[in-house]
C-alpha atoms as a PDB file:
ATOM      1  CA  UNK A   1      -0.089   0.028  -0.150  1.00  0.00           C
ATOM      2  CA  UNK A   2       1.453   3.320  -0.895  1.00  0.00           C
ATOM      3  CA  UNK A   3       2.736   5.521   1.832  1.00  0.00           C
ATOM      4  CA  UNK A   4       0.667   8.780   2.622  1.00  0.00           C
ATOM      5  CA  UNK A   5       2.210  12.185   1.983  1.00  0.00           C
ATOM      6  CA  UNK A   6       2.142  12.790   5.730  1.00  0.00           C
ATOM      7  CA  UNK A   7       4.024   9.478   6.391  1.00  0.00           C
ATOM      8  CA  UNK A   8       6.696  10.436   3.586  1.00  0.00           C
ATOM      9  CA  UNK A   9       7.136  14.030   5.130  1.00  0.00           C
ATOM     10  CA  UNK A  10       7.679  12.471   8.630  1.00  0.00           C
ATOM     11  CA  UNK A  11      10.279   9.816   7.282  1.00  0.00           C
ATOM     12  CA  UNK A  12      12.237  12.627   5.351  1.00  0.00           C
ATOM     13  CA  UNK A  13      12.048  14.923   8.491  1.00  0.00           C
ATOM     14  CA  UNK A  14      13.298  12.221  10.752  1.00  0.00           C
ATOM     15  CA  UNK A  15      16.016  10.960   8.317  1.00  0.00           C
ATOM     16  CA  UNK A  16      17.121  14.734   7.902  1.00  0.00           C
ATOM     17  CA  UNK A  17      17.435  15.116  11.631  1.00  0.00           C
ATOM     18  CA  UNK A  18      19.080  11.937  12.575  1.00  0.00           C
ATOM     19  CA  UNK A  19      21.431  11.686   9.701  1.00  0.00           C
ATOM     20  CA  UNK A  20      22.503  15.297  10.343  1.00  0.00           C
ATOM     21  CA  UNK A  21      23.193  14.568  13.821  1.00  0.00           C
ATOM     22  CA  UNK A  22      25.709  11.782  12.760  1.00  0.00           C
ATOM     23  CA  UNK A  23      23.545   8.622  13.137  1.00  0.00           C
ATOM     24  CA  UNK A  24      23.870   5.901  10.721  1.00  0.00           C
ATOM     25  CA  UNK A  25      20.986   4.824   8.215  1.00  0.00           C
ATOM     26  CA  UNK A  26      20.936   1.449  10.403  1.00  0.00           C
ATOM     27  CA  UNK A  27      20.389   3.639  13.648  1.00  0.00           C
ATOM     28  CA  UNK A  28      17.618   5.805  11.983  1.00  0.00           C
ATOM     29  CA  UNK A  29      15.648   2.541  10.909  1.00  0.00           C
ATOM     30  CA  UNK A  30      16.114   0.766  14.194  1.00  0.00           C
ATOM     31  CA  UNK A  31      14.647   3.840  16.072  1.00  0.00           C
ATOM     32  CA  UNK A  32      11.841   4.156  13.530  1.00  0.00           C
ATOM     33  CA  UNK A  33      10.968   0.486  13.852  1.00  0.00           C
ATOM     34  CA  UNK A  34       9.999   0.993  17.338  1.00  0.00           C
ATOM     35  CA  UNK A  35       9.218   4.954  17.768  1.00  0.00           C
ATOM     36  CA  UNK A  36       7.850   5.729  14.309  1.00  0.00           C
ATOM     37  CA  UNK A  37       4.320   6.437  13.305  1.00  0.00           C
ATOM     38  CA  UNK A  38       1.884   3.362  12.911  1.00  0.00           C
ATOM     39  CA  UNK A  39       2.286   3.768   9.076  1.00  0.00           C
ATOM     40  CA  UNK A  40       6.326   4.084   9.195  1.00  0.00           C
ATOM     41  CA  UNK A  41       6.932   1.290  11.579  1.00  0.00           C
ATOM     42  CA  UNK A  42       6.323  -1.788   9.420  1.00  0.00           C
ATOM     43  CA  UNK A  43       8.299  -0.051   6.471  1.00  0.00           C
ATOM     44  CA  UNK A  44      11.275   0.863   9.049  1.00  0.00           C
ATOM     45  CA  UNK A  45      11.341  -2.886  10.303  1.00  0.00           C
ATOM     46  CA  UNK A  46      11.747  -4.205   6.864  1.00  0.00           C
ATOM     47  CA  UNK A  47      14.389  -1.662   5.964  1.00  0.00           C
ATOM     48  CA  UNK A  48      16.289  -1.941   9.349  1.00  0.00           C
ATOM     49  CA  UNK A  49      16.397  -5.756   8.690  1.00  0.00           C
ATOM     50  CA  UNK A  50      17.759  -5.238   5.209  1.00  0.00           C
ATOM     51  CA  UNK A  51      20.288  -2.634   5.854  1.00  0.00           C
ATOM     52  CA  UNK A  52      21.786  -4.257   9.066  1.00  0.00           C
ATOM     53  CA  UNK A  53      22.498  -7.109   6.862  1.00  0.00           C
ATOM     54  CA  UNK A  54      24.561  -5.078   4.423  1.00  0.00           C
ATOM     55  CA  UNK A  55      21.923  -4.114   1.863  1.00  0.00           C
ATOM     56  CA  UNK A  56      22.224  -0.500   0.527  1.00  0.00           C
ATOM     57  CA  UNK A  57      19.306   1.680   1.271  1.00  0.00           C
ATOM     58  CA  UNK A  58      18.556   1.960  -2.264  1.00  0.00           C
ATOM     59  CA  UNK A  59      18.292  -1.741  -2.898  1.00  0.00           C
ATOM     60  CA  UNK A  60      16.064  -2.151   0.334  1.00  0.00           C
ATOM     61  CA  UNK A  61      13.847   0.687  -0.969  1.00  0.00           C
ATOM     62  CA  UNK A  62      13.557  -0.954  -4.538  1.00  0.00           C
ATOM     63  CA  UNK A  63      11.863  -4.026  -2.769  1.00  0.00           C
ATOM     64  CA  UNK A  64       9.008  -1.831  -1.332  1.00  0.00           C
ATOM     65  CA  UNK A  65       6.156  -1.192  -3.653  1.00  0.00           C
ATOM     66  CA  UNK A  66       4.530   1.348  -1.582  1.00  0.00           C
ATOM     67  CA  UNK A  67       7.593   3.869  -1.830  1.00  0.00           C
ATOM     68  CA  UNK A  68       7.376   6.296  -4.511  1.00  0.00           C
ATOM     69  CA  UNK A  69      10.254   6.212  -7.367  1.00  0.00           C
ATOM     70  CA  UNK A  70      10.984   9.910  -6.379  1.00  0.00           C
ATOM     71  CA  UNK A  71      12.008   9.042  -2.913  1.00  0.00           C
ATOM     72  CA  UNK A  72      13.948   5.822  -4.076  1.00  0.00           C
ATOM     73  CA  UNK A  73      15.897   7.714  -6.821  1.00  0.00           C
ATOM     74  CA  UNK A  74      16.858  10.600  -4.815  1.00  0.00           C
ATOM     75  CA  UNK A  75      17.888   8.591  -1.742  1.00  0.00           C
ATOM     76  CA  UNK A  76      20.013   6.643  -3.896  1.00  0.00           C
ATOM     77  CA  UNK A  77      21.743   9.721  -5.138  1.00  0.00           C
ATOM     78  CA  UNK A  78      22.065  10.830  -1.466  1.00  0.00           C
ATOM     79  CA  UNK A  79      23.521   7.540  -0.422  1.00  0.00           C
ATOM     80  CA  UNK A  80      26.203   7.416  -3.291  1.00  0.00           C
ATOM     81  CA  UNK A  81      27.116  11.071  -2.817  1.00  0.00           C
ATOM     82  CA  UNK A  82      27.124  11.328   1.092  1.00  0.00           C
ATOM     83  CA  UNK A  83      24.513  14.015   0.891  1.00  0.00           C
ATOM     84  CA  UNK A  84      21.748  12.146   2.559  1.00  0.00           C
ATOM     85  CA  UNK A  85      20.705  14.777   5.136  1.00  0.00           C
ATOM     86  CA  UNK A  86      20.619  17.479   2.346  1.00  0.00           C
ATOM     87  CA  UNK A  87      18.438  15.192  -0.183  1.00  0.00           C
ATOM     88  CA  UNK A  88      16.072  14.492   2.803  1.00  0.00           C
ATOM     89  CA  UNK A  89      15.671  18.158   3.456  1.00  0.00           C
ATOM     90  CA  UNK A  90      14.761  18.769  -0.338  1.00  0.00           C
ATOM     91  CA  UNK A  91      12.430  15.842  -0.262  1.00  0.00           C
ATOM     92  CA  UNK A  92      10.640  17.025   2.978  1.00  0.00           C
ATOM     93  CA  UNK A  93      10.074  20.574   1.268  1.00  0.00           C
ATOM     94  CA  UNK A  94       8.863  18.918  -1.780  1.00  0.00           C
ATOM     95  CA  UNK A  95       6.335  16.647  -0.066  1.00  0.00           C
ATOM     96  CA  UNK A  96       5.305  19.568   2.111  1.00  0.00           C
ATOM     97  CA  UNK A  97       4.136  21.314  -1.001  1.00  0.00           C
ATOM     98  CA  UNK A  98       2.622  18.444  -2.576  1.00  0.00           C
ATOM     99  CA  UNK A  99       0.395  17.834   0.604  1.00  0.00           C
ATOM    100  CA  UNK A 100      -0.629  21.657   0.454  1.00  0.00           C
ATOM    101  CA  UNK A 101      -1.761  21.139  -3.178  1.00  0.00           C
ATOM    102  CA  UNK A 102      -3.696  18.070  -2.309  1.00  0.00           C
ATOM    103  CA  UNK A 103      -5.443  19.624   0.728  1.00  0.00           C
ATOM    104  CA  UNK A 104      -6.294  22.662  -1.465  1.00  0.00           C
ATOM    105  CA  UNK A 105      -7.725  20.509  -4.105  1.00  0.00           C
ATOM    106  CA  UNK A 106      -9.961  18.509  -1.394  1.00  0.00           C
ATOM    107  CA  UNK A 107     -11.070  21.825   0.196  1.00  0.00           C
ATOM    108  CA  UNK A 108     -12.208  23.086  -3.284  1.00  0.00           C
ATOM    109  CA  UNK A 109     -14.369  20.255  -4.133  1.00  0.00           C
ATOM    110  CA  UNK A 110     -15.764  19.673  -0.495  1.00  0.00           C
ATOM    111  CA  UNK A 111     -18.900  21.933  -0.868  1.00  0.00           C
ATOM    112  CA  UNK A 112     -20.018  20.521  -4.190  1.00  0.00           C
ATOM    113  CA  UNK A 113     -19.527  16.914  -2.821  1.00  0.00           C
ATOM    114  CA  UNK A 114     -21.625  18.033   0.189  1.00  0.00           C
ATOM    115  CA  UNK A 115     -24.296  19.326  -2.034  1.00  0.00           C
ATOM    116  CA  UNK A 116     -24.440  16.127  -4.132  1.00  0.00           C
ATOM    117  CA  UNK A 117     -24.806  14.075  -0.947  1.00  0.00           C
ATOM    118  CA  UNK A 118     -27.455  16.368   0.565  1.00  0.00           C
ATOM    119  CA  UNK A 119     -29.402  16.452  -2.734  1.00  0.00           C
ATOM    120  CA  UNK A 120     -29.381  12.443  -2.863  1.00  0.00           C
ATOM    121  CA  UNK A 121     -30.544  12.312   0.882  1.00  0.00           C
ATOM    122  CA  UNK A 122     -33.255  14.847   0.262  1.00  0.00           C
ATOM    123  CA  UNK A 123     -34.623  12.968  -3.034  1.00  0.00           C
ATOM    124  CA  UNK A 124     -34.482   9.762  -0.950  1.00  0.00           C
ATOM    125  CA  UNK A 125     -36.527  11.063   1.724  1.00  0.00           C
ATOM    126  CA  UNK A 126     -38.855  12.685  -0.575  1.00  0.00           C
ATOM    127  CA  UNK A 127     -39.653   9.506  -2.471  1.00  0.00           C
ATOM    128  CA  UNK A 128     -40.349   7.697   0.770  1.00  0.00           C
ATOM    129  CA  UNK A 129     -42.483  10.444   2.250  1.00  0.00           C
ATOM    130  CA  UNK A 130     -44.610  11.075  -0.740  1.00  0.00           C
ATOM    131  CA  UNK A 131     -44.803   7.325  -1.163  1.00  0.00           C
ATOM    132  CA  UNK A 132     -46.943   7.217   1.877  1.00  0.00           C
ATOM    133  CA  UNK A 133     -49.558   9.449   0.504  1.00  0.00           C
ATOM    134  CA  UNK A 134     -52.291   7.399  -1.207  1.00  0.00           C
ATOM    135  CA  UNK A 135     -53.617   8.733  -4.363  1.00  0.00           C
ATOM    136  CA  UNK A 136     -56.409   6.570  -5.345  1.00  0.00           C
ATOM    137  CA  UNK A 137     -58.695   3.964  -3.629  1.00  0.00           C
ATOM    138  CA  UNK A 138     -56.270   1.204  -4.194  1.00  0.00           C
ATOM    139  CA  UNK A 139     -53.914   2.894  -1.739  1.00  0.00           C
ATOM    140  CA  UNK A 140     -51.188   3.567  -4.413  1.00  0.00           C
ATOM    141  CA  UNK A 141     -48.448   5.934  -3.203  1.00  0.00           C
ATOM    142  CA  UNK A 142     -47.397   9.047  -4.993  1.00  0.00           C
ATOM    143  CA  UNK A 143     -44.664   8.642  -7.350  1.00  0.00           C
ATOM    144  CA  UNK A 144     -42.460  11.790  -7.230  1.00  0.00           C
ATOM    145  CA  UNK A 145     -39.965  11.296  -9.925  1.00  0.00           C
ATOM    146  CA  UNK A 146     -42.337   9.284 -12.504  1.00  0.00           C
ATOM    147  CA  UNK A 147     -39.887   6.546 -12.228  1.00  0.00           C
ATOM    148  CA  UNK A 148     -41.997   3.995 -10.562  1.00  0.00           C
ATOM    149  CA  UNK A 149     -40.048   4.477  -7.321  1.00  0.00           C
ATOM    150  CA  UNK A 150     -42.401   4.605  -4.610  1.00  0.00           C
ATOM    151  CA  UNK A 151     -42.250   4.407  -0.675  1.00  0.00           C
ATOM    152  CA  UNK A 152     -39.765   2.513   1.286  1.00  0.00           C
ATOM    153  CA  UNK A 153     -38.740   0.165  -1.646  1.00  0.00           C
ATOM    154  CA  UNK A 154     -38.521   3.023  -4.098  1.00  0.00           C
ATOM    155  CA  UNK A 155     -36.411   5.113  -1.761  1.00  0.00           C
ATOM    156  CA  UNK A 156     -33.963   2.067  -1.095  1.00  0.00           C
ATOM    157  CA  UNK A 157     -33.760   1.402  -4.764  1.00  0.00           C
ATOM    158  CA  UNK A 158     -33.089   5.049  -5.575  1.00  0.00           C
ATOM    159  CA  UNK A 159     -30.492   5.536  -2.829  1.00  0.00           C
ATOM    160  CA  UNK A 160     -28.568   2.222  -3.608  1.00  0.00           C
ATOM    161  CA  UNK A 161     -28.761   2.835  -7.453  1.00  0.00           C
ATOM    162  CA  UNK A 162     -27.036   6.233  -7.069  1.00  0.00           C
ATOM    163  CA  UNK A 163     -24.342   5.155  -4.614  1.00  0.00           C
ATOM    164  CA  UNK A 164     -24.088   1.745  -5.940  1.00  0.00           C
ATOM    165  CA  UNK A 165     -23.283   3.172  -9.385  1.00  0.00           C
ATOM    166  CA  UNK A 166     -20.747   5.554  -7.607  1.00  0.00           C
ATOM    167  CA  UNK A 167     -19.207   2.869  -5.760  1.00  0.00           C
ATOM    168  CA  UNK A 168     -18.918   0.558  -8.943  1.00  0.00           C
ATOM    169  CA  UNK A 169     -17.313   3.358 -10.961  1.00  0.00           C
ATOM    170  CA  UNK A 170     -14.703   3.775  -8.210  1.00  0.00           C
ATOM    171  CA  UNK A 171     -14.080   0.131  -8.007  1.00  0.00           C
ATOM    172  CA  UNK A 172     -13.595  -0.049 -11.757  1.00  0.00           C
ATOM    173  CA  UNK A 173     -11.114   3.011 -11.485  1.00  0.00           C
ATOM    174  CA  UNK A 174      -9.392   1.387  -8.613  1.00  0.00           C
ATOM    175  CA  UNK A 175      -8.910  -2.028 -10.475  1.00  0.00           C
ATOM    176  CA  UNK A 176      -7.726  -0.275 -13.512  1.00  0.00           C
ATOM    177  CA  UNK A 177      -4.973   1.665 -11.614  1.00  0.00           C
ATOM    178  CA  UNK A 178      -3.724  -1.307 -10.158  1.00  0.00           C
ATOM    179  CA  UNK A 179      -3.605  -3.270 -13.229  1.00  0.00           C
ATOM    180  CA  UNK A 180      -2.531  -0.439 -15.592  1.00  0.00           C
ATOM    181  CA  UNK A 181      -0.052   1.210 -13.036  1.00  0.00           C
ATOM    182  CA  UNK A 182       3.224   1.796 -14.496  1.00  0.00           C
ATOM    183  CA  UNK A 183       1.960   1.579 -18.255  1.00  0.00           C
ATOM    184  CA  UNK A 184       3.548   4.156 -20.261  1.00  0.00           C
ATOM    185  CA  UNK A 185       0.732   4.548 -22.823  1.00  0.00           C
ATOM    186  CA  UNK A 186      -1.679   5.080 -19.890  1.00  0.00           C
ATOM    187  CA  UNK A 187       0.264   8.124 -18.696  1.00  0.00           C
ATOM    188  CA  UNK A 188       0.650   9.393 -22.131  1.00  0.00           C
ATOM    189  CA  UNK A 189      -2.904   9.399 -22.492  1.00  0.00           C
ATOM    190  CA  UNK A 190      -3.540  11.246 -19.049  1.00  0.00           C
ATOM    191  CA  UNK A 191      -0.916  13.932 -20.210  1.00  0.00           C
ATOM    192  CA  UNK A 192      -3.034  14.624 -23.243  1.00  0.00           C
ATOM    193  CA  UNK A 193      -6.477  15.037 -21.314  1.00  0.00           C
ATOM    194  CA  UNK A 194      -7.680  18.605 -21.252  1.00  0.00           C
ATOM    195  CA  UNK A 195      -7.531  19.985 -17.561  1.00  0.00           C
ATOM    196  CA  UNK A 196      -5.811  17.020 -16.294  1.00  0.00           C
ATOM    197  CA  UNK A 197      -2.868  16.699 -18.653  1.00  0.00           C
ATOM    198  CA  UNK A 198      -1.159  19.980 -17.921  1.00  0.00           C
ATOM    199  CA  UNK A 199      -1.521  19.413 -14.367  1.00  0.00           C
ATOM    200  CA  UNK A 200       0.085  15.910 -14.522  1.00  0.00           C
ATOM    201  CA  UNK A 201       2.970  17.298 -16.699  1.00  0.00           C
ATOM    202  CA  UNK A 202       3.718  20.198 -14.274  1.00  0.00           C
ATOM    203  CA  UNK A 203       3.978  17.809 -11.265  1.00  0.00           C
ATOM    204  CA  UNK A 204       6.155  15.466 -13.322  1.00  0.00           C
ATOM    205  CA  UNK A 205       8.411  18.428 -14.333  1.00  0.00           C
ATOM    206  CA  UNK A 206       8.667  19.615 -10.858  1.00  0.00           C
ATOM    207  CA  UNK A 207      10.022  16.177  -9.668  1.00  0.00           C
ATOM    208  CA  UNK A 208      12.367  15.941 -12.635  1.00  0.00           C
ATOM    209  CA  UNK A 209      13.778  19.488 -11.992  1.00  0.00           C
ATOM    210  CA  UNK A 210      14.435  18.619  -8.309  1.00  0.00           C
ATOM    211  CA  UNK A 211      16.049  15.230  -9.197  1.00  0.00           C
ATOM    212  CA  UNK A 212      18.325  16.541 -11.905  1.00  0.00           C
ATOM    213  CA  UNK A 213      19.422  19.414  -9.773  1.00  0.00           C
ATOM    214  CA  UNK A 214      20.530  17.108  -7.050  1.00  0.00           C
ATOM    215  CA  UNK A 215      22.101  14.544  -9.429  1.00  0.00           C
ATOM    216  CA  UNK A 216      23.793  17.283 -11.532  1.00  0.00           C
ATOM    217  CA  UNK A 217      25.048  18.886  -8.379  1.00  0.00           C
ATOM    218  CA  UNK A 218      26.520  15.414  -7.094  1.00  0.00           C
ATOM    219  CA  UNK A 219      29.104  14.902 -10.020  1.00  0.00           C
ATOM    220  CA  UNK A 220      27.206  11.869 -11.149  1.00  0.00           C
ATOM    221  CA  UNK A 221      27.672  10.853 -14.859  1.00  0.00           C
ATOM    222  CA  UNK A 222      25.136  12.671 -16.862  1.00  0.00           C
ATOM    223  CA  UNK A 223      23.572   9.549 -18.473  1.00  0.00           C
ATOM    224  CA  UNK A 224      22.877   7.954 -15.025  1.00  0.00           C
ATOM    225  CA  UNK A 225      21.800  11.431 -13.745  1.00  0.00           C
ATOM    226  CA  UNK A 226      19.276  11.441 -16.531  1.00  0.00           C
ATOM    227  CA  UNK A 227      18.126   8.193 -16.180  1.00  0.00           C
ATOM    228  CA  UNK A 228      17.490   8.476 -12.338  1.00  0.00           C
ATOM    229  CA  UNK A 229      15.850  12.000 -12.851  1.00  0.00           C
ATOM    230  CA  UNK A 230      13.182  10.639 -15.389  1.00  0.00           C
ATOM    231  CA  UNK A 231      12.384   7.764 -13.301  1.00  0.00           C
ATOM    232  CA  UNK A 232      12.002  10.177 -10.259  1.00  0.00           C
ATOM    233  CA  UNK A 233       9.002  11.943 -12.005  1.00  0.00           C
ATOM    234  CA  UNK A 234       6.727   8.818 -11.113  1.00  0.00           C
ATOM    235  CA  UNK A 235       5.260   9.108 -14.417  1.00  0.00           C
ATOM    236  CA  UNK A 236       5.581   5.846 -16.612  1.00  0.00           C
ATOM    237  CA  UNK A 237       5.771   7.750 -19.801  1.00  0.00           C
ATOM    238  CA  UNK A 238       8.874   9.752 -18.671  1.00  0.00           C
ATOM    239  CA  UNK A 239      10.428   6.771 -17.265  1.00  0.00           C
ATOM    240  CA  UNK A 240      10.071   4.845 -20.569  1.00  0.00           C
ATOM    241  CA  UNK A 241      12.202   7.640 -22.151  1.00  0.00           C
ATOM    242  CA  UNK A 242      14.998   7.243 -19.657  1.00  0.00           C
ATOM    243  CA  UNK A 243      16.911   4.602 -21.806  1.00  0.00           C
ATOM    244  CA  UNK A 244      16.729   6.393 -25.062  1.00  0.00           C
ATOM    245  CA  UNK A 245      17.622   9.532 -23.394  1.00  0.00           C
ATOM    246  CA  UNK A 246      20.544   8.052 -21.501  1.00  0.00           C
ATOM    247  CA  UNK A 247      21.872   6.378 -24.680  1.00  0.00           C
ATOM    248  CA  UNK A 248      21.654   9.645 -26.458  1.00  0.00           C
ATOM    249  CA  UNK A 249      23.991  11.694 -23.994  1.00  0.00           C
ATOM    250  CA  UNK A 250      26.420   8.667 -23.819  1.00  0.00           C
ATOM    251  CA  UNK A 251      26.827   9.084 -27.680  1.00  0.00           C
ATOM    252  CA  UNK A 252      27.992  12.824 -26.974  1.00  0.00           C
ATOM    253  CA  UNK A 253      24.451  14.673 -27.577  1.00  0.00           C
ATOM    254  CA  UNK A 254      23.535  17.344 -24.784  1.00  0.00           C
ATOM    255  CA  UNK A 255      20.692  16.922 -22.470  1.00  0.00           C
ATOM    256  CA  UNK A 256      18.240  19.170 -24.092  1.00  0.00           C
ATOM    257  CA  UNK A 257      18.696  17.141 -27.379  1.00  0.00           C
ATOM    258  CA  UNK A 258      17.940  13.872 -25.545  1.00  0.00           C
ATOM    259  CA  UNK A 259      14.930  15.035 -23.929  1.00  0.00           C
ATOM    260  CA  UNK A 260      13.497  17.083 -26.918  1.00  0.00           C
ATOM    261  CA  UNK A 261      13.319  13.868 -28.772  1.00  0.00           C
ATOM    262  CA  UNK A 262      10.790  12.443 -26.289  1.00  0.00           C
ATOM    263  CA  UNK A 263       8.107  14.667 -27.085  1.00  0.00           C
ATOM    264  CA  UNK A 264       7.367  14.977 -23.202  1.00  0.00           C
ATOM    265  CA  UNK A 265       8.914  18.112 -22.300  1.00  0.00           C
ATOM    266  CA  UNK A 266       7.696  21.622 -23.587  1.00  0.00           C
ATOM    267  CA  UNK A 267       9.662  23.713 -26.071  1.00  0.00           C
ATOM    268  CA  UNK A 268      10.285  26.307 -23.600  1.00  0.00           C
ATOM    269  CA  UNK A 269      11.784  24.021 -21.011  1.00  0.00           C
ATOM    270  CA  UNK A 270      14.120  22.388 -23.571  1.00  0.00           C
ATOM    271  CA  UNK A 271      15.250  25.922 -24.731  1.00  0.00           C
ATOM    272  CA  UNK A 272      16.025  26.888 -20.965  1.00  0.00           C
ATOM    273  CA  UNK A 273      17.899  23.629 -20.393  1.00  0.00           C
ATOM    274  CA  UNK A 274      19.906  24.351 -23.574  1.00  0.00           C
ATOM    275  CA  UNK A 275      20.958  27.879 -22.260  1.00  0.00           C
ATOM    276  CA  UNK A 276      21.725  26.329 -18.905  1.00  0.00           C
ATOM    277  CA  UNK A 277      24.101  23.664 -20.366  1.00  0.00           C
ATOM    278  CA  UNK A 278      25.915  26.208 -22.305  1.00  0.00           C
ATOM    279  CA  UNK A 279      26.412  28.577 -19.352  1.00  0.00           C
ATOM    280  CA  UNK A 280      27.247  25.815 -16.989  1.00  0.00           C
ATOM    281  CA  UNK A 281      24.477  26.675 -14.678  1.00  0.00           C
ATOM    282  CA  UNK A 282      22.431  23.405 -14.784  1.00  0.00           C
ATOM    283  CA  UNK A 283      21.902  23.015 -11.034  1.00  0.00           C
ATOM    284  CA  UNK A 284      20.878  26.565 -10.486  1.00  0.00           C
ATOM    285  CA  UNK A 285      18.647  26.617 -13.485  1.00  0.00           C
ATOM    286  CA  UNK A 286      17.051  23.312 -12.212  1.00  0.00           C
ATOM    287  CA  UNK A 287      16.339  24.715  -9.084  1.00  0.00           C
ATOM    288  CA  UNK A 288      14.718  27.894 -10.505  1.00  0.00           C
ATOM    289  CA  UNK A 289      12.611  25.503 -12.981  1.00  0.00           C
ATOM    290  CA  UNK A 290      11.564  23.324 -10.145  1.00  0.00           C
ATOM    291  CA  UNK A 291      10.107  26.220  -8.311  1.00  0.00           C
ATOM    292  CA  UNK A 292       8.381  27.494 -11.322  1.00  0.00           C
ATOM    293  CA  UNK A 293       6.723  24.231 -12.077  1.00  0.00           C
ATOM    294  CA  UNK A 294       5.738  23.744  -8.347  1.00  0.00           C
ATOM    295  CA  UNK A 295       3.955  26.978  -8.648  1.00  0.00           C
ATOM    296  CA  UNK A 296       2.434  26.150 -12.123  1.00  0.00           C
ATOM    297  CA  UNK A 297       1.214  22.779 -10.680  1.00  0.00           C
ATOM    298  CA  UNK A 298      -0.414  24.579  -8.006  1.00  0.00           C
ATOM    299  CA  UNK A 299      -2.192  27.155 -10.560  1.00  0.00           C
ATOM    300  CA  UNK A 300      -3.097  24.097 -12.964  1.00  0.00           C
ATOM    301  CA  UNK A 301      -4.382  22.320  -9.878  1.00  0.00           C
ATOM    302  CA  UNK A 302      -6.464  25.241  -8.776  1.00  0.00           C
ATOM    303  CA  UNK A 303      -7.974  25.432 -12.312  1.00  0.00           C
ATOM    304  CA  UNK A 304      -8.601  21.628 -12.176  1.00  0.00           C
ATOM    305  CA  UNK A 305     -10.380  21.897  -8.698  1.00  0.00           C
ATOM    306  CA  UNK A 306     -12.525  24.709 -10.086  1.00  0.00           C
ATOM    307  CA  UNK A 307     -13.546  22.429 -13.174  1.00  0.00           C
ATOM    308  CA  UNK A 308     -14.267  19.427 -10.976  1.00  0.00           C
ATOM    309  CA  UNK A 309     -16.222  21.683  -8.450  1.00  0.00           C
ATOM    310  CA  UNK A 310     -18.074  23.277 -11.523  1.00  0.00           C
ATOM    311  CA  UNK A 311     -18.714  19.776 -12.908  1.00  0.00           C
ATOM    312  CA  UNK A 312     -20.125  18.433  -9.686  1.00  0.00           C
ATOM    313  CA  UNK A 313     -22.225  21.426  -9.166  1.00  0.00           C
ATOM    314  CA  UNK A 314     -23.786  21.257 -12.639  1.00  0.00           C
ATOM    315  CA  UNK A 315     -24.665  17.711 -12.058  1.00  0.00           C
ATOM    316  CA  UNK A 316     -26.296  18.415  -8.793  1.00  0.00           C
ATOM    317  CA  UNK A 317     -28.225  21.168 -10.374  1.00  0.00           C
ATOM    318  CA  UNK A 318     -29.161  18.951 -13.274  1.00  0.00           C
ATOM    319  CA  UNK A 319     -30.499  16.472 -10.969  1.00  0.00           C
ATOM    320  CA  UNK A 320     -32.554  18.996  -8.805  1.00  0.00           C
ATOM    321  CA  UNK A 321     -34.069  20.516 -12.068  1.00  0.00           C
ATOM    322  CA  UNK A 322     -34.746  16.948 -13.475  1.00  0.00           C
ATOM    323  CA  UNK A 323     -36.398  16.054 -10.096  1.00  0.00           C
ATOM    324  CA  UNK A 324     -38.603  19.283 -10.075  1.00  0.00           C
ATOM    325  CA  UNK A 325     -39.886  18.608 -13.639  1.00  0.00           C
ATOM    326  CA  UNK A 326     -40.690  14.892 -12.979  1.00  0.00           C
ATOM    327  CA  UNK A 327     -42.325  16.034  -9.798  1.00  0.00           C
ATOM    328  CA  UNK A 328     -44.562  18.326 -11.693  1.00  0.00           C
ATOM    329  CA  UNK A 329     -45.370  16.026 -14.542  1.00  0.00           C
ATOM    330  CA  UNK A 330     -46.168  13.256 -12.056  1.00  0.00           C
ATOM    331  CA  UNK A 331     -48.247  15.432 -10.050  1.00  0.00           C
ATOM    332  CA  UNK A 332     -50.335  16.419 -13.295  1.00  0.00           C
ATOM    333  CA  UNK A 333     -50.488  12.791 -14.303  1.00  0.00           C
ATOM    334  CA  UNK A 334     -51.616  11.387 -10.898  1.00  0.00           C
ATOM    335  CA  UNK A 335     -54.278  14.264 -10.514  1.00  0.00           C
ATOM    336  CA  UNK A 336     -55.368  13.580 -14.073  1.00  0.00           C
ATOM    337  CA  UNK A 337     -55.738   9.787 -13.006  1.00  0.00           C
ATOM    338  CA  UNK A 338     -57.724  10.477  -9.704  1.00  0.00           C
ATOM    339  CA  UNK A 339     -60.179  12.480 -11.538  1.00  0.00           C
ATOM    340  CA  UNK A 340     -61.074   9.667 -13.675  1.00  0.00           C
ATOM    341  CA  UNK A 341     -61.366   9.148 -17.636  1.00  0.00           C
ATOM    342  CA  UNK A 342     -62.526  12.719 -18.159  1.00  0.00           C
ATOM    343  CA  UNK A 343     -59.239  13.729 -16.689  1.00  0.00           C
ATOM    344  CA  UNK A 344     -58.862  17.638 -16.046  1.00  0.00           C
END
């Protein structure tokens, strides 16, 4: 099960603090196995067992499916360069920003979701209440929506129909994410979707810039640095491009040339990268670009939140309007039937 952002922040903060104080990686995970949060302790126990037997931290993390690629790649860089405390500090700041963006998104859609839940509860209650009112001598209850949903059975059918459909869609999405996780073609499709695509791209670029800044600053071979940085995006489409990009720079081409061939990076970003390479300021420029794309992800996520909230609001409004129209039509139909063959 993937670690939550809060758990990732806590882990990076603890590692920054302990490693900066001179403790070893083995000491860190031994302490976290007993003193860490409930979510961290099982992971820390497994990591402690691995590193205490001589395994590297990177290899131990590779075996953990719930650990994000960004954390694995950058801790590997930190381990190889002796910059683990600094890397953990950067990761902590990055995950704090990601949590802030996620909370802002949830806050933005909370009210429309509440309206939707309230609308379904009101309609369920309406079906049940009006179904208790007989409209003819046979004791037939009033059908407020004109859908044959009357009384207790109708209310239950409506409620379970709405939430059962939502639950079914959620399960299908969950199964699709599990079965299609890590598929490059899925992530490429997501990158092309209006509204969602630009947000996914900005988040991937922010991670890429963070990883490339740290790897370039460490003196690592550029081919390896590029491969780790593309993998650190957590996006399978970017990770798939790593092998070709790494091979391109090993042939002597520059980084911006290798990345432009993937079709994943904006032309503007490739141009800025080209200038950074020529001026020898790649780490500094990547730091600036990482901040830029974090802000861009924030802006695009805000737009996506407005889009999602607006879509939910329009759906709720549509349901209410449809219910009012059906109530009125059903009322006229039931009154006409009650008056007999002559109708109104």
